Protein backbone atom coordinates (compact mmCIF):
# COMPACT_ATOMS: atom_id res chain seq x y z
CA TRP A 1 -17.19 -12.59 25.31
CA THR A 2 -17.59 -16.05 23.89
CA THR A 3 -16.84 -16.68 20.23
CA ASP A 4 -20.52 -17.28 19.51
CA SER A 5 -21.62 -14.08 21.29
CA PHE A 6 -18.94 -12.16 19.39
CA LEU A 7 -20.14 -13.56 16.04
CA ALA A 8 -23.76 -12.65 16.85
CA TRP A 9 -22.67 -9.14 17.85
CA GLU A 10 -20.42 -8.63 14.81
CA ASP A 11 -23.18 -9.68 12.41
CA ARG A 12 -25.11 -6.60 13.59
CA GLN A 13 -22.20 -4.15 13.14
CA GLU A 14 -21.40 -1.88 10.19
CA GLY A 15 -17.66 -2.58 10.23
CA LYS A 16 -15.54 -5.68 10.64
CA TYR A 17 -13.88 -6.82 13.84
CA GLU A 18 -11.48 -9.56 14.77
CA PHE A 19 -11.68 -11.44 18.06
CA ASP A 20 -8.53 -12.85 19.68
CA GLY A 21 -10.45 -15.02 22.14
CA ARG A 22 -10.53 -12.26 24.76
CA LYS A 23 -11.02 -8.87 23.15
CA VAL A 24 -12.61 -7.27 20.09
CA ILE A 25 -10.21 -5.71 17.58
CA PRO A 26 -11.60 -3.17 15.06
CA MET A 27 -10.43 -3.60 11.47
CA THR A 28 -9.07 -0.49 9.81
CA GLY A 29 -8.72 0.43 6.16
CA GLY A 30 -5.50 -0.23 4.32
CA SER A 31 -3.27 1.93 2.13
CA VAL A 32 -3.52 2.18 -1.65
CA ALA A 33 -0.61 -0.28 -1.93
CA HIS A 34 -2.50 -2.70 0.33
CA GLN A 35 -5.62 -2.47 -1.83
CA VAL A 36 -3.65 -2.88 -5.08
CA LEU A 37 -1.89 -5.99 -3.75
CA VAL A 38 -5.13 -7.59 -2.59
CA PHE A 39 -6.85 -6.79 -5.91
CA ASN A 40 -3.93 -8.13 -7.96
CA LEU A 41 -3.74 -11.24 -5.81
CA LEU A 42 -7.45 -11.98 -6.30
CA VAL A 43 -7.18 -11.45 -10.07
CA VAL A 44 -4.10 -13.69 -10.39
CA LEU A 45 -5.53 -16.41 -8.13
CA GLY A 46 -8.86 -16.28 -9.98
CA ARG A 47 -7.06 -16.75 -13.31
CA LEU A 48 -4.77 -19.54 -12.10
CA LEU A 49 -7.49 -21.43 -10.21
CA ALA A 50 -10.21 -21.15 -12.89
CA GLY A 51 -11.89 -24.50 -13.44
CA ARG A 52 -10.23 -26.03 -10.37
CA PRO A 53 -11.90 -26.95 -7.06
CA PHE A 54 -10.56 -23.90 -5.22
CA LEU A 55 -12.00 -20.44 -4.59
CA PRO A 56 -10.08 -17.27 -3.60
CA LEU A 57 -12.02 -15.05 -1.18
CA HIS A 58 -11.35 -11.55 0.15
CA GLU A 59 -11.76 -10.63 3.83
CA MET A 60 -13.85 -13.65 4.79
CA ARG A 61 -14.23 -14.34 8.46
CA LEU A 62 -12.10 -17.33 9.55
CA ARG A 63 -12.77 -19.09 12.84
CA ILE A 64 -9.72 -20.64 14.50
CA GLY A 65 -10.78 -22.22 17.78
CA SER A 66 -12.09 -19.33 19.90
CA ARG A 67 -10.55 -16.67 17.62
CA ILE A 68 -11.97 -14.86 14.60
CA ARG A 69 -9.65 -13.40 11.96
CA TYR A 70 -10.13 -11.66 8.63
CA PRO A 71 -7.18 -12.64 6.43
CA ASP A 72 -6.77 -10.36 3.42
CA VAL A 73 -7.27 -13.34 1.08
CA VAL A 74 -7.87 -17.04 1.61
CA VAL A 75 -8.18 -19.91 -0.83
CA VAL A 76 -10.72 -22.55 0.15
CA ALA A 77 -11.56 -25.92 -1.31
CA THR A 78 -14.95 -26.06 -2.97
CA PRO A 79 -17.81 -26.75 -2.95
CA LEU A 80 -18.73 -24.20 -0.33
CA ASP A 81 -22.26 -23.17 0.66
CA GLN A 82 -22.84 -19.70 -0.80
CA THR A 83 -24.52 -18.52 2.41
CA THR A 84 -21.40 -19.24 4.49
CA ARG A 85 -20.32 -16.22 6.56
CA THR A 86 -17.65 -17.85 8.69
CA LEU A 87 -14.98 -20.18 7.32
CA THR A 88 -13.43 -22.90 9.45
CA ASP A 89 -10.80 -24.06 6.98
CA ALA A 90 -8.57 -22.73 4.20
CA VAL A 91 -5.85 -24.16 1.99
CA ALA A 92 -3.88 -20.91 1.60
CA ILE A 93 -3.93 -17.73 3.70
CA PHE A 94 -2.53 -14.34 2.62
CA GLU A 95 -1.83 -11.20 4.63
CA VAL A 96 -0.50 -7.86 3.34
CA LEU A 97 1.87 -6.41 5.91
CA SER A 98 1.83 -2.85 7.19
CA ASP A 99 3.69 -1.13 10.01
CA ASP A 100 0.76 -1.45 12.42
CA ASN A 101 0.10 -5.17 11.85
CA ALA A 102 3.43 -6.74 10.86
CA VAL A 103 4.32 -8.22 14.27
CA ASN A 104 0.82 -9.62 14.72
CA ASP A 105 0.85 -11.15 11.21
CA ARG A 106 4.42 -12.51 11.48
CA VAL A 107 4.08 -14.05 14.95
CA ILE A 108 0.59 -14.35 16.42
CA LYS A 109 -1.27 -15.19 13.23
CA LEU A 110 1.49 -17.56 12.10
CA ILE A 111 0.86 -19.57 15.27
CA GLU A 112 -2.93 -19.31 14.95
CA TYR A 113 -3.05 -20.25 11.26
CA ALA A 114 -1.09 -23.43 12.07
CA GLU A 115 -4.32 -24.57 13.76
CA VAL A 116 -6.30 -24.35 10.50
CA PRO A 117 -6.70 -28.02 9.52
CA SER A 118 -5.94 -27.92 5.80
CA ALA A 119 -3.72 -24.82 5.66
CA ARG A 120 -0.69 -25.67 3.55
CA CYS A 121 0.67 -22.18 3.08
CA TYR A 122 0.63 -18.77 4.70
CA VAL A 123 1.94 -15.91 2.59
CA LEU A 124 3.01 -12.48 3.83
CA LEU A 125 3.24 -9.75 1.19
CA GLU A 126 5.28 -6.64 1.88
CA GLN A 127 3.74 -3.42 0.58
CA THR A 128 6.96 -1.37 0.60
CA ALA A 129 8.95 -3.61 -1.77
CA VAL A 130 8.51 -6.63 -4.02
CA ALA A 131 9.01 -9.18 -1.27
CA THR A 132 7.03 -12.08 0.11
CA THR A 133 7.52 -14.68 2.79
CA LEU A 134 6.03 -18.10 2.14
CA PHE A 135 5.38 -20.40 5.06
CA ARG A 136 4.55 -23.87 3.78
CA ARG A 137 3.90 -27.13 5.58
CA GLU A 138 2.91 -30.71 5.17
CA PRO A 139 -0.18 -31.91 7.08
CA GLY A 140 0.49 -31.56 10.80
CA GLY A 141 4.04 -30.37 10.20
CA ALA A 142 5.94 -27.26 11.19
CA TRP A 143 6.03 -24.17 8.99
CA ILE A 144 9.00 -23.94 6.62
CA ALA A 145 9.77 -20.34 5.61
CA SER A 146 11.25 -19.01 2.39
CA ALA A 147 11.70 -15.42 1.19
CA HIS A 148 10.98 -14.35 -2.40
CA THR A 149 11.83 -11.08 -4.16
CA ASP A 150 11.48 -12.04 -7.83
CA GLY A 151 10.16 -14.77 -10.07
CA GLY A 152 7.27 -16.82 -8.86
CA LEU A 153 5.86 -18.18 -5.65
CA VAL A 154 4.97 -21.89 -5.84
CA LEU A 155 1.97 -22.65 -3.64
CA PRO A 156 1.78 -26.18 -2.23
CA ARG A 157 -1.38 -28.23 -2.75
CA LEU A 158 -2.72 -25.61 -5.16
CA ASP A 159 0.04 -26.51 -7.64
CA ILE A 160 0.22 -22.98 -9.03
CA THR A 161 2.95 -20.38 -9.29
CA LEU A 162 2.09 -16.78 -8.45
CA PRO A 163 4.20 -14.42 -10.59
CA LEU A 164 5.43 -11.68 -8.25
CA GLY A 165 5.52 -9.18 -11.11
CA ASP A 166 1.77 -9.63 -11.56
CA LEU A 167 1.09 -9.29 -7.83
CA TYR A 168 3.02 -6.00 -7.61
CA GLN A 169 1.82 -4.60 -10.94
CA GLY A 170 0.93 -0.91 -10.66
CA LEU A 171 3.14 -0.27 -7.63
CA THR A 172 6.49 1.50 -7.61
CA PHE A 173 9.17 1.49 -4.96
CA ALA A 174 12.23 3.59 -4.16
CA ALA A 175 15.48 2.04 -5.31
CA GLN A 176 17.00 -0.22 -2.66
CA GLY A 177 20.00 1.30 -0.90
CA ALA A 178 19.30 4.78 -2.29
């Protein structure tokens, strides 16, 4: 496979697939918690970014060199051609973690997303507890990680604060240590 042959093939498929530069990876459906987090994130981002030159998008194809990924949510700078099917840049990238993708999202995609030219933050959202990991960076710099379990998440370059309570609204979790 080349990246271009993969993209031509995927455009003819019913489902979505990622491409790691060597092999095709089928995308699977997420849990209810995953869907709630993505929905809440899109609503909150839409509200906070209204009237600003940024657009939150859900499951848009992102090309990173020879690889194709489908982050759960990305924020891109606008304007953006409405016919675009494959992004090549994003300001913020969000992934909701699950048992079957956590290592890939925490390690492989962290390295890959560092190659996205304008990416200033990469956010991992846990779906089993109110907990996020924010990786932020200055242009060309290394990722700096911080963990968040309450309050808000300040996103660099976007100059917004995501209230974690709003992101996790509608979800309940077992008491910690119980």
